[in-house]
Amino acid sequence: MTEEQTIVYTDAPPGPTPPSSSDAPPAPWHRDVPTDAALLFRFSALT
């Protein structure tokens, strides 16, 4: 049994342009989280 495929990749049709990142206001807060091997392992286990 033999299967033959001819696959043609074409460009995606142009869609709406995404809003620029300058439109978003700055975040009112941020938090620095110290990472270590245990935290990265837990994160990878959850995702």
N, C-alpha and C. Protein backbone atom coordinates (compact mmCIF):
# COMPACT_ATOMS: atom_id res chain seq x y z
N MET A 1 0.85 -1.16 0.00
CA MET A 1 0.00 0.00 0.00
C MET A 1 0.91 1.23 0.00
N THR A 2 0.59 2.17 -0.84
CA THR A 2 1.36 3.41 -0.95
C THR A 2 0.41 4.58 -0.89
N GLU A 3 0.82 5.59 -0.16
CA GLU A 3 0.02 6.81 -0.08
C GLU A 3 0.87 7.96 -0.58
N GLU A 4 0.30 8.77 -1.43
CA GLU A 4 1.02 9.91 -1.98
C GLU A 4 0.19 11.16 -1.73
N GLN A 5 0.83 12.19 -1.23
CA GLN A 5 0.13 13.44 -0.95
C GLN A 5 0.87 14.59 -1.61
N THR A 6 0.11 15.53 -2.11
CA THR A 6 0.68 16.77 -2.62
C THR A 6 0.15 17.88 -1.73
N ILE A 7 1.02 18.41 -0.90
CA ILE A 7 0.62 19.43 0.07
C ILE A 7 1.14 20.78 -0.41
N VAL A 8 0.26 21.76 -0.46
CA VAL A 8 0.64 23.10 -0.89
C VAL A 8 0.36 24.06 0.26
N TYR A 9 1.40 24.77 0.68
CA TYR A 9 1.25 25.77 1.74
C TYR A 9 1.13 27.15 1.10
N THR A 10 0.11 27.87 1.48
CA THR A 10 -0.09 29.22 0.96
C THR A 10 -0.11 30.20 2.12
N ASP A 11 0.06 31.47 1.80
CA ASP A 11 0.01 32.51 2.83
C ASP A 11 -1.41 32.64 3.37
N ALA A 12 -1.50 33.01 4.62
CA ALA A 12 -2.80 33.25 5.23
C ALA A 12 -3.38 34.54 4.65
N PRO A 13 -4.70 34.60 4.52
CA PRO A 13 -5.29 35.84 4.01
C PRO A 13 -5.06 36.97 5.01
N PRO A 14 -4.89 38.19 4.51
CA PRO A 14 -4.65 39.30 5.43
C PRO A 14 -5.88 39.53 6.32
N GLY A 15 -5.64 39.72 7.57
CA GLY A 15 -6.71 39.95 8.53
C GLY A 15 -6.58 41.32 9.15
N PRO A 16 -7.38 41.59 10.14
CA PRO A 16 -7.27 42.89 10.81
C PRO A 16 -5.94 42.98 11.54
N THR A 17 -5.39 44.16 11.56
CA THR A 17 -4.12 44.35 12.25
C THR A 17 -4.36 44.42 13.75
N PRO A 18 -3.52 43.79 14.54
CA PRO A 18 -3.70 43.85 15.99
C PRO A 18 -3.39 45.24 16.52
N PRO A 19 -4.01 45.63 17.61
CA PRO A 19 -3.73 46.96 18.16
C PRO A 19 -2.28 47.03 18.61
N SER A 20 -1.72 48.22 18.49
CA SER A 20 -0.33 48.38 18.90
C SER A 20 -0.21 48.31 20.41
N SER A 21 0.95 47.92 20.88
CA SER A 21 1.14 47.77 22.32
C SER A 21 1.16 49.11 23.04
N SER A 22 1.33 50.20 22.31
CA SER A 22 1.35 51.51 22.95
C SER A 22 -0.05 51.95 23.39
N ASP A 23 -1.10 51.26 22.94
CA ASP A 23 -2.46 51.62 23.33
C ASP A 23 -2.78 51.22 24.76
N ALA A 24 -2.07 50.25 25.29
CA ALA A 24 -2.36 49.77 26.64
C ALA A 24 -1.74 50.70 27.68
N PRO A 25 -2.51 51.04 28.71
CA PRO A 25 -1.94 51.89 29.76
C PRO A 25 -0.95 51.08 30.60
N PRO A 26 -0.02 51.75 31.24
CA PRO A 26 0.92 51.01 32.09
C PRO A 26 0.20 50.36 33.26
N ALA A 27 0.69 49.22 33.68
CA ALA A 27 0.08 48.50 34.80
C ALA A 27 0.27 49.28 36.09
N PRO A 28 -0.74 49.28 36.97
CA PRO A 28 -0.62 50.05 38.21
C PRO A 28 0.32 49.40 39.21
N TRP A 29 0.66 48.12 39.02
CA TRP A 29 1.56 47.45 39.96
C TRP A 29 2.25 46.29 39.26
N HIS A 30 3.30 45.82 39.85
CA HIS A 30 3.97 44.61 39.38
C HIS A 30 4.65 43.95 40.57
N ARG A 31 4.97 42.68 40.41
CA ARG A 31 5.60 41.96 41.51
C ARG A 31 6.74 41.12 40.95
N ASP A 32 7.89 41.23 41.56
CA ASP A 32 9.03 40.39 41.20
C ASP A 32 8.97 39.12 42.04
N VAL A 33 9.01 37.98 41.37
CA VAL A 33 8.94 36.70 42.07
C VAL A 33 10.30 36.03 41.95
N PRO A 34 10.96 35.80 43.08
CA PRO A 34 12.24 35.09 42.99
C PRO A 34 12.00 33.63 42.60
N THR A 35 12.70 33.19 41.58
CA THR A 35 12.50 31.82 41.10
C THR A 35 13.67 30.94 41.51
N ASP A 36 13.35 29.71 41.81
CA ASP A 36 14.37 28.71 42.08
C ASP A 36 13.94 27.42 41.39
N ALA A 37 14.73 26.40 41.51
CA ALA A 37 14.46 25.14 40.81
C ALA A 37 13.13 24.53 41.24
N ALA A 38 12.80 24.62 42.53
CA ALA A 38 11.54 24.02 43.01
C ALA A 38 10.33 24.75 42.43
N LEU A 39 10.37 26.07 42.38
CA LEU A 39 9.25 26.83 41.84
C LEU A 39 9.08 26.55 40.35
N LEU A 40 10.16 26.49 39.61
CA LEU A 40 10.06 26.19 38.18
C LEU A 40 9.53 24.78 37.95
N PHE A 41 9.92 23.83 38.80
CA PHE A 41 9.40 22.47 38.67
C PHE A 41 7.90 22.44 38.94
N ARG A 42 7.45 23.14 39.96
CA ARG A 42 6.02 23.17 40.27
C ARG A 42 5.23 23.82 39.14
N PHE A 43 5.76 24.91 38.60
CA PHE A 43 5.09 25.59 37.50
C PHE A 43 4.98 24.67 36.28
N SER A 44 6.06 23.98 35.95
CA SER A 44 6.02 23.10 34.78
C SER A 44 5.09 21.92 35.02
N ALA A 45 4.93 21.48 36.26
CA ALA A 45 4.02 20.39 36.55
C ALA A 45 2.57 20.82 36.37
N LEU A 46 2.29 22.09 36.61
CA LEU A 46 0.91 22.59 36.50
C LEU A 46 0.53 22.95 35.07
N THR A 47 1.50 23.23 34.24
CA THR A 47 1.19 23.68 32.88
C THR A 47 1.40 22.63 31.85
